[in-house]
Amino acid sequence: MNLIVSPVGADTDLRAALEDLKMGRYQATRDLLVRTGPNWSLRTRRSQLLAAQAGAGGVFKTWRDEEPNSADASMMWARVLTRAAIEAHRNGKNKSLVSRAAGLAIQACLKAITLWPDCPVPWICLLHLTQLPFDPYHFDPHWRSRPIPWDQLGDPTMPYRGPWPLLEEINKRDPGSREGHHRMREFHLYRGGPTAAMHYAAWEVASEPINLELDMLPLYGLMDVYRERHGNGQGSALQFWQTAQVAHYARQARDRWFASVPPVHHGWLSLPDLNHLAHALVACGEDARTVFEAMGPYATPEPWQTINVSLGRSYDWTTEFLRIRATALRERPLW
């Protein structure tokens, strides 16, 4: 069974833009974003993948310098600077350097907002920046005019403080933004830990979300909790992944989200989402053959490869996955 496919799925236009970036050119990216227009979900996904390419930063700076009034160029430059600020922090750079990087990213986001106020991507970048070790309200250009307290919701079922106004700005432009809600989950992960991130994810999907992709949030939250509890080989993977909680969220995501997507569109779905869902379903006892007949062509070694790294295990990811599946289903492995 072929488990490795392109990370851009069926998006052949994006493939061309990625190839163009490898050559140090931005023309295909410019044309792609023009065609994408205000399809915010697609614009968010494409811009995220484009900004992640090695060497893309220099290309997008050139584009921004040559077309300073291009909303697309400014948006991509904001993406690049945001990633650079986050990476500087993750790599342990000193706080003054991270602060300067964050300041440049904020300026780029504000310019992008000015050029295209309806675009959610600059607001997503601002929300992403709240993972840095600064007061989150500094990343909201309107924080002085917002109701106080800035970081609390009026909903008594959500006690956690956070950059809720930034998520609201994103939802105004792209209701149920997949990346926006994952950035909020990451905020709670880095500020409050895996339990806080899991609580946010569960709260978000307590009722049927506007965007059914958000049903996947709890599975990412569970992965974070698993890493915290079972890192360095502690505990049993089966004891965690066969719980009723995992089964509930995995089956809910399958029944509400994946089952609602016509098979012809499966190639456009998020590969990390498909991977997390497929592996969670099999681990909690769903029939492996049925799961992989539906998702197999799009599944990759993640996330079990990441799990093995977190456990300090040296053998191939398939060993752990097949052991869990065989134990859960009490059957001989299919491979």
Protein backbone atom coordinates (compact mmCIF):
# COMPACT_ATOMS: atom_id res chain seq x y z
CA MET A 1 0.00 0.00 0.00
CA ASN A 2 1.41 3.38 -1.00
CA LEU A 3 1.49 5.63 2.05
CA ILE A 4 3.56 8.55 0.73
CA VAL A 5 2.02 11.31 -1.37
CA SER A 6 2.81 14.92 -2.11
CA PRO A 7 2.10 17.27 0.82
CA VAL A 8 0.08 19.50 -1.51
CA GLY A 9 -2.36 16.77 -2.48
CA ALA A 10 -4.37 17.53 -5.61
CA ASP A 11 -3.35 21.20 -5.72
CA THR A 12 -1.41 21.12 -8.99
CA ASP A 13 -1.33 24.93 -9.19
CA LEU A 14 0.47 25.05 -5.86
CA ARG A 15 3.00 22.52 -7.08
CA ALA A 16 3.99 24.85 -9.90
CA ALA A 17 4.43 27.75 -7.49
CA LEU A 18 6.60 25.63 -5.18
CA GLU A 19 8.81 24.64 -8.09
CA ASP A 20 9.09 28.28 -9.13
CA LEU A 21 10.23 29.24 -5.62
CA LYS A 22 12.99 26.65 -5.77
CA MET A 23 14.34 28.57 -8.76
CA GLY A 24 14.24 31.85 -6.85
CA ARG A 25 11.24 33.19 -8.76
CA TYR A 26 7.89 34.47 -7.49
CA GLN A 27 5.86 34.87 -10.68
CA ALA A 28 3.98 31.57 -10.31
CA THR A 29 3.18 32.41 -6.68
CA ARG A 30 1.88 35.83 -7.68
CA ASP A 31 -0.34 34.31 -10.37
CA LEU A 32 -1.53 31.58 -7.99
CA LEU A 33 -2.58 34.05 -5.29
CA VAL A 34 -4.34 36.26 -7.83
CA ARG A 35 -6.38 33.25 -8.98
CA THR A 36 -7.04 32.22 -5.37
CA GLY A 37 -8.54 35.65 -4.61
CA PRO A 38 -10.85 35.83 -1.57
CA ASN A 39 -11.19 32.08 -1.18
CA TRP A 40 -9.84 32.50 2.34
CA SER A 41 -9.54 28.84 3.26
CA LEU A 42 -7.52 28.10 0.13
CA ARG A 43 -5.53 31.34 0.43
CA THR A 44 -4.59 30.50 4.01
CA ARG A 45 -3.50 26.96 3.17
CA ARG A 46 -1.54 27.93 0.09
CA SER A 47 0.24 30.87 1.69
CA GLN A 48 1.18 28.74 4.70
CA LEU A 49 2.79 26.06 2.53
CA LEU A 50 4.54 28.60 0.30
CA ALA A 51 6.07 30.47 3.24
CA ALA A 52 7.44 27.23 4.70
CA GLN A 53 9.69 26.51 1.72
CA ALA A 54 13.44 26.77 2.23
CA GLY A 55 14.76 29.97 0.74
CA ALA A 56 11.30 31.45 0.19
CA GLY A 57 12.02 34.39 2.48
CA GLY A 58 14.47 36.03 0.12
CA VAL A 59 12.15 35.52 -2.84
CA PHE A 60 9.21 37.13 -1.08
CA LYS A 61 11.34 40.05 0.11
CA THR A 62 12.34 40.69 -3.49
CA TRP A 63 8.70 40.56 -4.54
CA ARG A 64 7.66 42.92 -1.75
CA ASP A 65 10.48 45.36 -2.64
CA GLU A 66 9.54 45.32 -6.34
CA GLU A 67 5.78 45.59 -5.71
CA PRO A 68 5.41 47.39 -2.35
CA ASN A 69 1.68 47.96 -2.89
CA SER A 70 0.88 44.35 -3.69
CA ALA A 71 -1.45 42.89 -1.03
CA ASP A 72 -0.28 39.38 -1.89
CA ALA A 73 3.41 40.26 -1.61
CA SER A 74 2.86 42.02 1.72
CA MET A 75 0.85 39.10 3.05
CA MET A 76 3.58 36.62 2.12
CA TRP A 77 6.26 38.86 3.62
CA ALA A 78 4.25 39.01 6.86
CA ARG A 79 4.14 35.20 6.83
CA VAL A 80 7.92 35.00 6.39
CA LEU A 81 8.72 37.50 9.16
CA THR A 82 6.28 35.84 11.55
CA ARG A 83 7.92 32.46 10.99
CA ALA A 84 11.35 34.04 11.50
CA ALA A 85 10.33 35.58 14.83
CA ILE A 86 8.83 32.30 16.09
CA GLU A 87 11.91 30.34 14.99
CA ALA A 88 14.23 32.83 16.71
CA HIS A 89 12.36 32.28 19.95
CA ARG A 90 12.29 28.48 19.55
CA ASN A 91 16.04 28.49 18.86
CA GLY A 92 16.76 30.32 22.10
CA LYS A 93 17.81 33.67 20.67
CA ASN A 94 18.02 36.51 23.18
CA LYS A 95 14.85 38.40 23.99
CA SER A 96 15.95 41.67 22.38
CA LEU A 97 16.55 39.95 19.04
CA VAL A 98 13.19 38.18 19.26
CA SER A 99 11.56 41.51 20.10
CA ARG A 100 13.06 43.16 17.01
CA ALA A 101 11.97 40.27 14.83
CA ALA A 102 8.46 40.47 16.27
CA GLY A 103 8.36 44.22 15.65
CA LEU A 104 9.23 43.75 11.99
CA ALA A 105 6.57 41.06 11.67
CA ILE A 106 3.92 43.31 13.25
CA GLN A 107 4.79 46.12 10.82
CA ALA A 108 4.44 43.72 7.89
CA CYS A 109 1.09 42.47 9.20
CA LEU A 110 -0.26 46.02 9.57
CA LYS A 111 0.84 46.88 6.03
CA ALA A 112 -0.90 43.76 4.70
CA ILE A 113 -4.07 44.64 6.63
CA THR A 114 -4.03 48.14 5.15
CA LEU A 115 -3.66 46.79 1.61
CA TRP A 116 -6.42 44.16 1.96
CA PRO A 117 -8.51 44.61 5.14
CA ASP A 118 -10.68 41.55 4.44
CA CYS A 119 -7.78 39.08 4.33
CA PRO A 120 -7.53 36.90 7.48
CA VAL A 121 -3.88 35.88 7.01
CA PRO A 122 -2.24 38.95 8.66
CA TRP A 123 -4.50 38.47 11.68
CA ILE A 124 -3.51 34.81 11.78
CA CYS A 125 0.12 35.94 11.81
CA LEU A 126 -0.58 38.31 14.70
CA LEU A 127 -2.24 35.48 16.62
CA HIS A 128 0.77 33.27 15.85
CA LEU A 129 3.08 35.91 17.33
CA THR A 130 1.29 35.68 20.70
CA GLN A 131 3.29 32.48 21.27
CA LEU A 132 6.29 34.74 21.91
CA PRO A 133 7.18 35.65 25.52
CA PHE A 134 5.47 39.04 25.50
CA ASP A 135 2.07 40.24 26.67
CA PRO A 136 -0.36 39.02 23.99
CA TYR A 137 -2.22 42.35 23.76
CA HIS A 138 0.88 43.94 22.21
CA PHE A 139 0.04 42.05 19.00
CA ASP A 140 -3.44 43.53 18.69
CA PRO A 141 -3.40 46.93 16.96
CA HIS A 142 -6.85 47.74 18.41
CA TRP A 143 -6.32 46.58 21.99
CA ARG A 144 -6.68 50.06 23.49
CA SER A 145 -10.19 50.44 22.10
CA ARG A 146 -11.46 46.96 23.01
CA PRO A 147 -13.57 46.10 26.07
CA ILE A 148 -11.71 45.25 29.26
CA PRO A 149 -10.57 42.67 30.22
CA TRP A 150 -8.98 42.21 26.81
CA ASP A 151 -8.04 38.55 27.27
CA GLN A 152 -11.24 37.08 28.71
CA LEU A 153 -14.42 35.79 27.12
CA GLY A 154 -17.88 36.38 28.52
CA ASP A 155 -18.55 32.64 28.24
CA PRO A 156 -18.35 31.07 31.72
CA THR A 157 -17.48 27.71 30.16
CA MET A 158 -14.17 29.13 28.89
CA PRO A 159 -12.11 30.28 31.88
CA TYR A 160 -8.78 30.53 30.05
CA ARG A 161 -7.31 33.91 29.26
CA GLY A 162 -6.00 34.40 25.76
CA PRO A 163 -5.85 36.58 22.65
CA TRP A 164 -9.55 36.10 21.94
CA PRO A 165 -9.94 39.44 20.06
CA LEU A 166 -7.41 38.27 17.47
CA LEU A 167 -9.31 35.03 16.91
CA GLU A 168 -12.50 37.08 16.59
CA GLU A 169 -10.87 39.23 13.89
CA ILE A 170 -9.92 36.07 12.01
CA ASN A 171 -13.41 34.62 12.31
CA LYS A 172 -14.96 37.86 11.02
CA ARG A 173 -13.02 37.34 7.81
CA ASP A 174 -12.97 33.54 7.60
CA PRO A 175 -15.52 31.95 9.97
CA GLY A 176 -14.12 28.75 11.47
CA SER A 177 -10.62 29.35 10.08
CA ARG A 178 -8.71 26.09 10.44
CA GLU A 179 -5.33 27.73 10.89
CA GLY A 180 -6.73 30.44 13.16
CA HIS A 181 -8.16 27.92 15.62
CA HIS A 182 -5.03 25.79 15.53
CA ARG A 183 -2.98 28.90 16.37
CA MET A 184 -5.24 29.48 19.36
CA ARG A 185 -4.77 25.85 20.39
CA GLU A 186 -1.00 26.34 20.11
CA PHE A 187 -1.22 29.52 22.20
CA HIS A 188 -2.81 27.56 25.04
CA LEU A 189 -0.28 24.76 24.55
CA TYR A 190 2.75 27.02 24.88
CA ARG A 191 1.29 29.27 27.59
CA GLY A 192 -0.72 26.80 29.67
CA GLY A 193 0.47 23.33 28.64
CA PRO A 194 -1.17 20.34 26.94
CA THR A 195 -4.09 20.15 29.37
CA ALA A 196 -5.09 23.75 28.64
CA ALA A 197 -4.78 23.17 24.88
CA MET A 198 -6.90 20.03 25.14
CA HIS A 199 -9.57 21.85 27.15
CA TYR A 200 -9.68 24.60 24.52
CA ALA A 201 -10.05 22.04 21.72
CA ALA A 202 -12.83 20.19 23.55
CA TRP A 203 -14.62 23.47 24.28
CA GLU A 204 -14.40 24.51 20.63
CA VAL A 205 -16.07 21.33 19.33
CA ALA A 206 -18.59 20.93 22.15
CA SER A 207 -21.20 22.03 19.61
CA GLU A 208 -20.99 21.45 15.89
CA PRO A 209 -18.45 24.00 14.59
CA ILE A 210 -18.98 26.24 11.57
CA ASN A 211 -16.06 24.50 9.87
CA LEU A 212 -16.16 20.74 10.40
CA GLU A 213 -12.38 20.54 10.00
CA LEU A 214 -12.25 21.89 13.54
CA ASP A 215 -13.50 18.51 14.77
CA MET A 216 -9.85 17.50 14.43
CA LEU A 217 -8.67 19.94 17.11
CA PRO A 218 -9.08 17.47 20.01
CA LEU A 219 -6.96 14.83 18.25
CA TYR A 220 -4.07 17.29 18.07
CA GLY A 221 -4.68 18.15 21.70
CA LEU A 222 -4.58 14.46 22.62
CA MET A 223 -1.28 14.09 20.79
CA ASP A 224 0.19 16.87 22.93
CA VAL A 225 -1.12 15.26 26.12
CA TYR A 226 0.32 11.91 25.02
CA ARG A 227 3.78 13.40 24.47
CA GLU A 228 3.71 14.98 27.91
CA ARG A 229 2.56 11.85 29.74
CA HIS A 230 4.42 9.19 27.78
CA GLY A 231 7.65 10.85 26.67
CA ASN A 232 10.87 8.88 27.15
CA GLY A 233 8.99 5.60 26.99
CA GLN A 234 6.82 6.20 30.05
CA GLY A 235 3.50 4.36 30.24
CA SER A 236 1.68 2.38 27.59
CA ALA A 237 0.58 3.69 24.23
CA LEU A 238 -2.34 1.29 24.24
CA GLN A 239 -3.57 2.50 27.62
CA PHE A 240 -3.74 6.01 26.20
CA TRP A 241 -4.98 5.54 22.63
CA GLN A 242 -7.67 2.98 23.45
CA THR A 243 -9.51 5.20 25.93
CA ALA A 244 -13.12 6.23 25.47
CA GLN A 245 -12.01 9.85 25.08
CA VAL A 246 -9.84 9.08 22.05
CA ALA A 247 -12.59 6.94 20.52
CA HIS A 248 -15.18 9.69 21.02
CA TYR A 249 -13.21 12.44 19.32
CA ALA A 250 -11.83 10.22 16.56
CA ARG A 251 -15.26 8.88 15.61
CA GLN A 252 -16.84 12.32 15.89
CA ALA A 253 -14.27 13.73 13.47
CA ARG A 254 -14.83 10.83 11.09
CA ASP A 255 -18.63 11.00 11.22
CA ARG A 256 -19.06 14.78 11.13
CA TRP A 257 -16.07 15.89 9.06
CA PHE A 258 -14.50 13.16 6.92
CA ALA A 259 -17.78 11.43 6.06
CA SER A 260 -19.24 14.73 4.86
CA VAL A 261 -16.48 15.27 2.27
CA PRO A 262 -17.11 13.68 -1.15
CA PRO A 263 -14.36 11.16 -2.01
CA VAL A 264 -13.40 13.18 -5.07
CA HIS A 265 -12.26 15.95 -2.72
CA HIS A 266 -10.24 13.78 -0.33
CA GLY A 267 -7.02 14.73 -2.10
CA TRP A 268 -7.56 18.36 -1.06
CA LEU A 269 -7.86 17.62 2.64
CA SER A 270 -5.12 18.44 5.13
CA LEU A 271 -2.63 15.56 5.24
CA PRO A 272 -1.86 16.08 8.95
CA ASP A 273 -5.60 15.86 9.63
CA LEU A 274 -5.95 12.63 7.66
CA ASN A 275 -2.91 11.14 9.38
CA HIS A 276 -4.07 11.98 12.88
CA LEU A 277 -7.58 10.72 12.16
CA ALA A 278 -6.55 7.47 10.47
CA HIS A 279 -4.09 6.47 13.16
CA ALA A 280 -6.38 7.48 16.03
CA LEU A 281 -9.26 5.47 14.56
CA VAL A 282 -7.17 2.33 14.15
CA ALA A 283 -5.51 2.72 17.54
CA CYS A 284 -8.87 3.00 19.32
CA GLY A 285 -10.16 -0.17 17.68
CA GLU A 286 -11.75 0.75 14.33
CA ASP A 287 -11.25 -1.74 11.50
CA ALA A 288 -7.89 -0.97 9.91
CA ARG A 289 -8.89 -2.19 6.46
CA THR A 290 -11.95 0.07 6.37
CA VAL A 291 -10.00 3.08 7.63
CA PHE A 292 -7.17 2.74 5.18
CA GLU A 293 -9.39 1.93 2.23
CA ALA A 294 -10.88 5.38 2.82
CA MET A 295 -7.72 7.29 3.81
CA GLY A 296 -4.83 5.04 2.84
CA PRO A 297 -3.72 6.81 -0.33
CA TYR A 298 -3.31 10.02 1.65
CA ALA A 299 -1.80 8.69 4.89
CA THR A 300 1.92 9.12 5.61
CA PRO A 301 4.23 7.90 8.41
CA GLU A 302 3.21 10.85 10.56
CA PRO A 303 2.18 11.16 13.35
CA TRP A 304 3.56 7.84 14.60
CA GLN A 305 7.02 8.73 13.41
CA THR A 306 6.89 11.80 15.65
CA ILE A 307 5.59 9.69 18.53
CA ASN A 308 8.51 7.32 18.27
CA VAL A 309 10.95 10.22 18.35
CA SER A 310 9.23 11.58 21.46
CA LEU A 311 9.57 8.15 23.08
CA GLY A 312 13.23 7.86 22.20
CA ARG A 313 12.66 4.75 20.12
CA SER A 314 15.02 3.90 17.30
CA TYR A 315 13.00 1.38 15.32
CA ASP A 316 10.81 2.21 12.37
CA TRP A 317 7.39 3.82 13.00
CA THR A 318 5.58 0.89 11.39
CA THR A 319 6.67 -1.46 14.18
CA GLU A 320 4.80 0.52 16.81
CA PHE A 321 1.82 1.18 14.57
CA LEU A 322 1.40 -2.46 13.55
CA ARG A 323 1.80 -3.64 17.14
CA ILE A 324 -0.92 -1.30 18.32
CA ARG A 325 -3.21 -2.23 15.46
CA ALA A 326 -2.69 -5.96 15.87
CA THR A 327 -3.32 -5.77 19.61
CA ALA A 328 -6.36 -3.55 19.22
CA LEU A 329 -7.99 -5.64 16.53
CA ARG A 330 -6.69 -9.05 17.62
CA GLU A 331 -5.87 -9.91 14.05
CA ARG A 332 -2.79 -10.56 11.95
CA PRO A 333 -1.26 -7.40 10.47
CA LEU A 334 -2.34 -6.64 6.92
CA TRP A 335 1.27 -5.93 5.86
